[in-house]
Amino acid sequence: QVQLVESGGGLVQAGGSLRLSCAASGSIFSIGFMGWYRQAPGKQRELVATITSGGRGNYADSVKGRFTISRDNAKNSMYLQMNSLKPEDTGVYYCKGRVVITTPVSSESDYWGQGTQVTVSS
């Protein structure tokens, strides 16, 4: 079975920084697309940033210039460096990965982590 586990969330003042990590484990053959999403209270989950297996990042307009997405394919991990945080960045941050497994059968599926809370105080 495949698991994605986020870490690094917490409480920070506006203007501060946090670095989120997402570690994938299990019977993984490869991971293609990966992304960070967030969900604020009472709002729908939204895309924050995505990254291809080759390392090309793409960002929501609201975080461009402040957040940086990266990954380490050898470690099946992904990161989100968040700088100049704002109260509106508050929410639960989830990682998602498109994972290829080969046992028991070859398949490609999207997996989600359980989320990590980020709270930015004003």
N, C-alpha and C. Protein backbone atom coordinates (compact mmCIF):
# COMPACT_ATOMS: atom_id res chain seq x y z
N GLN A 1 0.84 -1.19 0.00
CA GLN A 1 0.00 0.00 0.00
C GLN A 1 0.88 1.24 0.00
N VAL A 2 0.36 2.32 -0.52
CA VAL A 2 1.10 3.57 -0.62
C VAL A 2 0.57 4.57 0.40
N GLN A 3 1.48 5.27 1.05
CA GLN A 3 1.10 6.33 1.99
C GLN A 3 1.86 7.60 1.67
N LEU A 4 1.17 8.74 1.78
CA LEU A 4 1.79 10.04 1.70
C LEU A 4 1.58 10.72 3.04
N VAL A 5 2.66 11.21 3.62
CA VAL A 5 2.59 11.81 4.94
C VAL A 5 3.19 13.21 4.90
N GLU A 6 2.38 14.21 5.29
CA GLU A 6 2.85 15.58 5.34
C GLU A 6 3.39 15.89 6.74
N SER A 7 4.29 16.84 6.79
CA SER A 7 4.81 17.34 8.06
C SER A 7 5.29 18.77 7.86
N GLY A 8 5.52 19.46 8.98
CA GLY A 8 6.09 20.79 8.92
C GLY A 8 5.11 21.93 9.16
N GLY A 9 3.83 21.60 9.32
CA GLY A 9 2.87 22.66 9.59
C GLY A 9 3.05 23.23 10.99
N GLY A 10 2.32 24.29 11.26
CA GLY A 10 2.39 24.90 12.59
C GLY A 10 1.79 26.28 12.60
N LEU A 11 2.06 26.99 13.69
CA LEU A 11 1.57 28.35 13.88
C LEU A 11 2.71 29.32 13.66
N VAL A 12 2.48 30.33 12.84
CA VAL A 12 3.52 31.31 12.53
C VAL A 12 2.88 32.68 12.39
N GLN A 13 3.64 33.71 12.69
CA GLN A 13 3.13 35.07 12.53
C GLN A 13 3.21 35.48 11.06
N ALA A 14 2.36 36.42 10.70
CA ALA A 14 2.38 36.96 9.35
C ALA A 14 3.79 37.47 9.02
N GLY A 15 4.23 37.16 7.81
CA GLY A 15 5.57 37.52 7.39
C GLY A 15 6.59 36.43 7.63
N GLY A 16 6.20 35.42 8.38
CA GLY A 16 7.12 34.33 8.70
C GLY A 16 7.18 33.28 7.61
N SER A 17 7.91 32.19 7.92
CA SER A 17 8.14 31.12 6.94
C SER A 17 7.88 29.76 7.56
N LEU A 18 7.51 28.83 6.71
CA LEU A 18 7.38 27.42 7.08
C LEU A 18 7.82 26.58 5.89
N ARG A 19 8.30 25.38 6.18
CA ARG A 19 8.65 24.44 5.11
C ARG A 19 7.90 23.15 5.34
N LEU A 20 7.04 22.82 4.40
CA LEU A 20 6.27 21.58 4.47
C LEU A 20 7.00 20.48 3.72
N SER A 21 6.84 19.27 4.22
CA SER A 21 7.41 18.10 3.57
C SER A 21 6.31 17.07 3.33
N CYS A 22 6.48 16.30 2.28
CA CYS A 22 5.57 15.21 1.96
C CYS A 22 6.42 14.01 1.60
N ALA A 23 6.28 12.94 2.36
CA ALA A 23 7.07 11.74 2.12
C ALA A 23 6.15 10.60 1.71
N ALA A 24 6.48 9.98 0.60
CA ALA A 24 5.70 8.84 0.10
C ALA A 24 6.43 7.55 0.42
N SER A 25 5.66 6.54 0.81
CA SER A 25 6.26 5.24 1.13
C SER A 25 5.35 4.13 0.64
N GLY A 26 5.92 2.93 0.55
CA GLY A 26 5.15 1.78 0.10
C GLY A 26 5.79 1.18 -1.14
N SER A 27 5.01 0.38 -1.83
CA SER A 27 5.51 -0.33 -3.01
C SER A 27 5.44 0.58 -4.24
N ILE A 28 6.30 1.60 -4.23
CA ILE A 28 6.29 2.62 -5.26
C ILE A 28 7.28 2.31 -6.36
N PHE A 29 6.79 2.32 -7.59
CA PHE A 29 7.69 2.18 -8.73
C PHE A 29 8.19 3.57 -9.16
N SER A 30 7.26 4.50 -9.28
CA SER A 30 7.64 5.86 -9.65
C SER A 30 6.50 6.81 -9.25
N ILE A 31 6.83 8.07 -9.17
CA ILE A 31 5.85 9.12 -8.89
C ILE A 31 5.96 10.18 -9.96
N GLY A 32 4.86 10.48 -10.61
CA GLY A 32 4.87 11.51 -11.64
C GLY A 32 4.50 12.85 -11.04
N PHE A 33 3.38 13.37 -11.48
CA PHE A 33 2.87 14.64 -10.98
C PHE A 33 2.73 14.61 -9.45
N MET A 34 3.11 15.70 -8.81
CA MET A 34 2.86 15.89 -7.38
C MET A 34 2.34 17.31 -7.17
N GLY A 35 1.61 17.48 -6.12
CA GLY A 35 1.08 18.82 -5.88
C GLY A 35 0.73 19.07 -4.43
N TRP A 36 0.66 20.34 -4.09
CA TRP A 36 0.18 20.80 -2.78
C TRP A 36 -1.16 21.48 -2.97
N TYR A 37 -2.08 21.16 -2.08
CA TYR A 37 -3.40 21.76 -2.06
C TYR A 37 -3.67 22.26 -0.65
N ARG A 38 -4.62 23.16 -0.50
CA ARG A 38 -4.98 23.61 0.83
C ARG A 38 -6.48 23.84 0.92
N GLN A 39 -6.96 23.74 2.15
CA GLN A 39 -8.37 23.95 2.40
C GLN A 39 -8.54 24.79 3.65
N ALA A 40 -9.13 25.96 3.47
CA ALA A 40 -9.42 26.83 4.60
C ALA A 40 -10.79 26.48 5.16
N PRO A 41 -11.05 26.82 6.41
CA PRO A 41 -12.36 26.51 7.01
C PRO A 41 -13.49 27.10 6.19
N GLY A 42 -14.47 26.27 5.86
CA GLY A 42 -15.63 26.73 5.12
C GLY A 42 -15.41 26.94 3.63
N LYS A 43 -14.24 26.57 3.16
CA LYS A 43 -13.93 26.77 1.74
C LYS A 43 -13.56 25.46 1.08
N GLN A 44 -13.61 25.46 -0.24
CA GLN A 44 -13.23 24.26 -0.98
C GLN A 44 -11.71 24.13 -1.04
N ARG A 45 -11.27 22.91 -1.22
CA ARG A 45 -9.85 22.66 -1.39
C ARG A 45 -9.38 23.33 -2.68
N GLU A 46 -8.21 23.97 -2.60
CA GLU A 46 -7.69 24.66 -3.78
C GLU A 46 -6.25 24.26 -4.05
N LEU A 47 -5.88 24.39 -5.31
CA LEU A 47 -4.52 24.08 -5.72
C LEU A 47 -3.58 25.19 -5.28
N VAL A 48 -2.44 24.79 -4.73
CA VAL A 48 -1.42 25.75 -4.33
C VAL A 48 -0.26 25.72 -5.33
N ALA A 49 0.27 24.54 -5.57
CA ALA A 49 1.40 24.41 -6.49
C ALA A 49 1.52 22.97 -6.95
N THR A 50 2.06 22.80 -8.14
CA THR A 50 2.30 21.46 -8.67
C THR A 50 3.74 21.37 -9.18
N ILE A 51 4.21 20.14 -9.32
CA ILE A 51 5.56 19.94 -9.83
C ILE A 51 5.58 18.65 -10.64
N THR A 52 6.24 18.70 -11.79
CA THR A 52 6.36 17.52 -12.62
C THR A 52 7.50 16.64 -12.11
N SER A 53 7.60 15.44 -12.66
CA SER A 53 8.69 14.56 -12.26
C SER A 53 10.04 15.15 -12.64
N GLY A 54 10.05 16.02 -13.62
CA GLY A 54 11.28 16.67 -14.04
C GLY A 54 11.62 17.91 -13.24
N GLY A 55 10.72 18.30 -12.33
CA GLY A 55 11.02 19.42 -11.45
C GLY A 55 10.42 20.76 -11.87
N ARG A 56 9.56 20.75 -12.86
CA ARG A 56 8.96 22.02 -13.28
C ARG A 56 7.79 22.35 -12.37
N GLY A 57 7.84 23.52 -11.77
CA GLY A 57 6.80 23.94 -10.84
C GLY A 57 5.79 24.88 -11.48
N ASN A 58 4.59 24.87 -10.91
CA ASN A 58 3.54 25.78 -11.35
C ASN A 58 2.80 26.21 -10.10
N TYR A 59 2.38 27.49 -10.05
CA TYR A 59 1.86 28.04 -8.82
C TYR A 59 0.52 28.76 -9.03
N ALA A 60 -0.29 28.73 -7.99
CA ALA A 60 -1.47 29.57 -7.97
C ALA A 60 -1.02 31.03 -7.90
N ASP A 61 -1.80 31.91 -8.49
CA ASP A 61 -1.42 33.33 -8.50
C ASP A 61 -1.23 33.87 -7.08
N SER A 62 -2.01 33.36 -6.15
CA SER A 62 -1.98 33.89 -4.79
C SER A 62 -0.67 33.60 -4.05
N VAL A 63 0.11 32.64 -4.55
CA VAL A 63 1.35 32.28 -3.84
C VAL A 63 2.60 32.52 -4.67
N LYS A 64 2.44 32.95 -5.91
CA LYS A 64 3.60 33.19 -6.77
C LYS A 64 4.54 34.20 -6.14
N GLY A 65 5.82 33.88 -6.18
CA GLY A 65 6.82 34.77 -5.62
C GLY A 65 7.05 34.59 -4.13
N ARG A 66 6.17 33.83 -3.47
CA ARG A 66 6.32 33.61 -2.02
C ARG A 66 6.58 32.14 -1.69
N PHE A 67 6.01 31.23 -2.46
CA PHE A 67 6.15 29.80 -2.21
C PHE A 67 7.04 29.17 -3.28
N THR A 68 7.78 28.15 -2.88
CA THR A 68 8.62 27.40 -3.82
C THR A 68 8.41 25.91 -3.60
N ILE A 69 8.04 25.22 -4.67
CA ILE A 69 7.82 23.78 -4.60
C ILE A 69 9.07 23.08 -5.14
N SER A 70 9.41 21.96 -4.51
CA SER A 70 10.56 21.18 -4.97
C SER A 70 10.31 19.71 -4.62
N ARG A 71 11.17 18.85 -5.15
CA ARG A 71 11.02 17.42 -4.87
C ARG A 71 12.37 16.74 -4.94
N ASP A 72 12.44 15.60 -4.27
CA ASP A 72 13.62 14.75 -4.30
C ASP A 72 13.14 13.37 -4.74
N ASN A 73 13.32 13.05 -6.00
CA ASN A 73 12.79 11.79 -6.52
C ASN A 73 13.43 10.58 -5.86
N ALA A 74 14.69 10.69 -5.49
CA ALA A 74 15.38 9.57 -4.85
C ALA A 74 14.77 9.23 -3.51
N LYS A 75 14.17 10.24 -2.87
CA LYS A 75 13.56 10.04 -1.55
C LYS A 75 12.04 9.97 -1.62
N ASN A 76 11.50 10.01 -2.84
CA ASN A 76 10.03 10.03 -3.00
C ASN A 76 9.40 11.11 -2.12
N SER A 77 10.01 12.28 -2.15
CA SER A 77 9.56 13.37 -1.28
C SER A 77 9.34 14.66 -2.06
N MET A 78 8.51 15.50 -1.47
CA MET A 78 8.19 16.80 -2.07
C MET A 78 8.17 17.82 -0.94
N TYR A 79 8.48 19.07 -1.28
CA TYR A 79 8.58 20.12 -0.28
C TYR A 79 7.86 21.37 -0.75
N LEU A 80 7.49 22.19 0.22
CA LEU A 80 6.91 23.50 -0.09
C LEU A 80 7.50 24.51 0.87
N GLN A 81 8.36 25.38 0.35
CA GLN A 81 8.92 26.46 1.14
C GLN A 81 7.98 27.64 1.05
N MET A 82 7.47 28.07 2.18
CA MET A 82 6.49 29.15 2.21
C MET A 82 7.08 30.33 2.95
N ASN A 83 7.26 31.43 2.25
CA ASN A 83 7.81 32.66 2.81
C ASN A 83 6.76 33.76 2.77
N SER A 84 7.00 34.81 3.54
CA SER A 84 6.09 35.96 3.57
C SER A 84 4.65 35.52 3.76
N LEU A 85 4.44 34.66 4.72
CA LEU A 85 3.11 34.10 4.94
C LEU A 85 2.11 35.16 5.35
N LYS A 86 0.88 34.95 4.91
CA LYS A 86 -0.23 35.86 5.19
C LYS A 86 -1.33 35.10 5.93
N PRO A 87 -2.16 35.79 6.67
CA PRO A 87 -3.28 35.10 7.35
C PRO A 87 -4.16 34.31 6.39
N GLU A 88 -4.29 34.78 5.18
CA GLU A 88 -5.12 34.06 4.20
C GLU A 88 -4.48 32.77 3.71
N ASP A 89 -3.25 32.50 4.09
CA ASP A 89 -2.60 31.21 3.77
C ASP A 89 -3.00 30.13 4.77
N THR A 90 -3.72 30.50 5.80
CA THR A 90 -4.15 29.54 6.82
C THR A 90 -5.04 28.46 6.23
N GLY A 91 -4.78 27.22 6.64
CA GLY A 91 -5.59 26.11 6.19
C GLY A 91 -4.88 24.79 6.42
N VAL A 92 -5.54 23.72 6.02
CA VAL A 92 -4.92 22.40 6.05
C VAL A 92 -4.29 22.17 4.68
N TYR A 93 -3.02 21.84 4.70
CA TYR A 93 -2.28 21.62 3.46
C TYR A 93 -2.14 20.12 3.21
N TYR A 94 -2.50 19.73 2.00
CA TYR A 94 -2.47 18.33 1.60
C TYR A 94 -1.50 18.14 0.43
N CYS A 95 -0.82 17.00 0.44
CA CYS A 95 -0.02 16.66 -0.73
C CYS A 95 -0.72 15.56 -1.51
N LYS A 96 -0.45 15.56 -2.77
CA LYS A 96 -1.05 14.58 -3.69
C LYS A 96 0.02 14.12 -4.65
N GLY A 97 -0.01 12.83 -4.95
CA GLY A 97 0.96 12.30 -5.89
C GLY A 97 0.34 11.26 -6.80
N ARG A 98 0.78 11.26 -8.05
CA ARG A 98 0.33 10.25 -9.01
C ARG A 98 1.37 9.13 -9.00
N VAL A 99 1.02 8.02 -8.39
CA VAL A 99 1.97 6.97 -8.08
C VAL A 99 1.75 5.75 -8.95
N VAL A 100 2.85 5.22 -9.44
CA VAL A 100 2.82 3.97 -10.19
C VAL A 100 3.33 2.86 -9.28
N ILE A 101 2.53 1.81 -9.16
CA ILE A 101 2.95 0.63 -8.40
C ILE A 101 3.01 -0.55 -9.36
N THR A 102 3.74 -1.58 -8.97
CA THR A 102 3.83 -2.75 -9.84
C THR A 102 3.32 -4.02 -9.15
N THR A 103 3.07 -3.95 -7.86
CA THR A 103 2.52 -5.11 -7.14
C THR A 103 1.29 -4.68 -6.36
N PRO A 104 0.24 -5.47 -6.31
CA PRO A 104 0.11 -6.78 -6.94
C PRO A 104 -0.05 -6.72 -8.45
N VAL A 105 -0.54 -5.59 -8.98
CA VAL A 105 -0.61 -5.40 -10.43
C VAL A 105 -0.10 -4.02 -10.74
N SER A 106 0.28 -3.82 -11.98
CA SER A 106 0.77 -2.51 -12.37
C SER A 106 -0.41 -1.54 -12.49
N SER A 107 -0.28 -0.40 -11.84
CA SER A 107 -1.35 0.59 -11.90
C SER A 107 -0.82 1.97 -11.56
N GLU A 108 -1.58 2.98 -11.94
CA GLU A 108 -1.23 4.36 -11.66
C GLU A 108 -2.45 5.01 -11.02
N SER A 109 -2.26 5.58 -9.83
CA SER A 109 -3.37 6.17 -9.10
C SER A 109 -2.91 7.42 -8.37
N ASP A 110 -3.88 8.27 -8.05
CA ASP A 110 -3.60 9.45 -7.24
C ASP A 110 -3.77 9.11 -5.76
N TYR A 111 -2.81 9.52 -4.97
CA TYR A 111 -2.85 9.32 -3.53
C TYR A 111 -2.76 10.67 -2.83
N TRP A 112 -3.48 10.77 -1.70
CA TRP A 112 -3.48 11.98 -0.89
C TRP A 112 -2.89 11.71 0.48
N GLY A 113 -2.26 12.72 1.04
CA GLY A 113 -1.85 12.66 2.43
C GLY A 113 -3.00 13.06 3.34
N GLN A 114 -2.76 12.99 4.64
CA GLN A 114 -3.81 13.27 5.61
C GLN A 114 -3.91 14.76 5.95
N GLY A 115 -2.93 15.53 5.54
CA GLY A 115 -2.96 16.98 5.75
C GLY A 115 -2.16 17.43 6.96
N THR A 116 -1.68 18.67 6.87
CA THR A 116 -0.99 19.30 7.99
C THR A 116 -1.51 20.73 8.13
N GLN A 117 -1.76 21.14 9.36
CA GLN A 117 -2.38 22.44 9.60
C GLN A 117 -1.34 23.55 9.57
N VAL A 118 -1.65 24.60 8.83
CA VAL A 118 -0.84 25.81 8.81
C VAL A 118 -1.73 26.96 9.29
N THR A 119 -1.29 27.66 10.32
CA THR A 119 -2.04 28.78 10.85
C THR A 119 -1.14 30.00 10.87
N VAL A 120 -1.57 31.07 10.21
CA VAL A 120 -0.81 32.31 10.16
C VAL A 120 -1.57 33.38 10.91
N SER A 121 -0.97 33.88 11.97
CA SER A 121 -1.63 34.89 12.78
C SER A 121 -1.26 36.29 12.31
N SER A 122 -2.17 37.22 12.48
CA SER A 122 -1.92 38.59 12.02
C SER A 122 -1.30 39.44 13.11
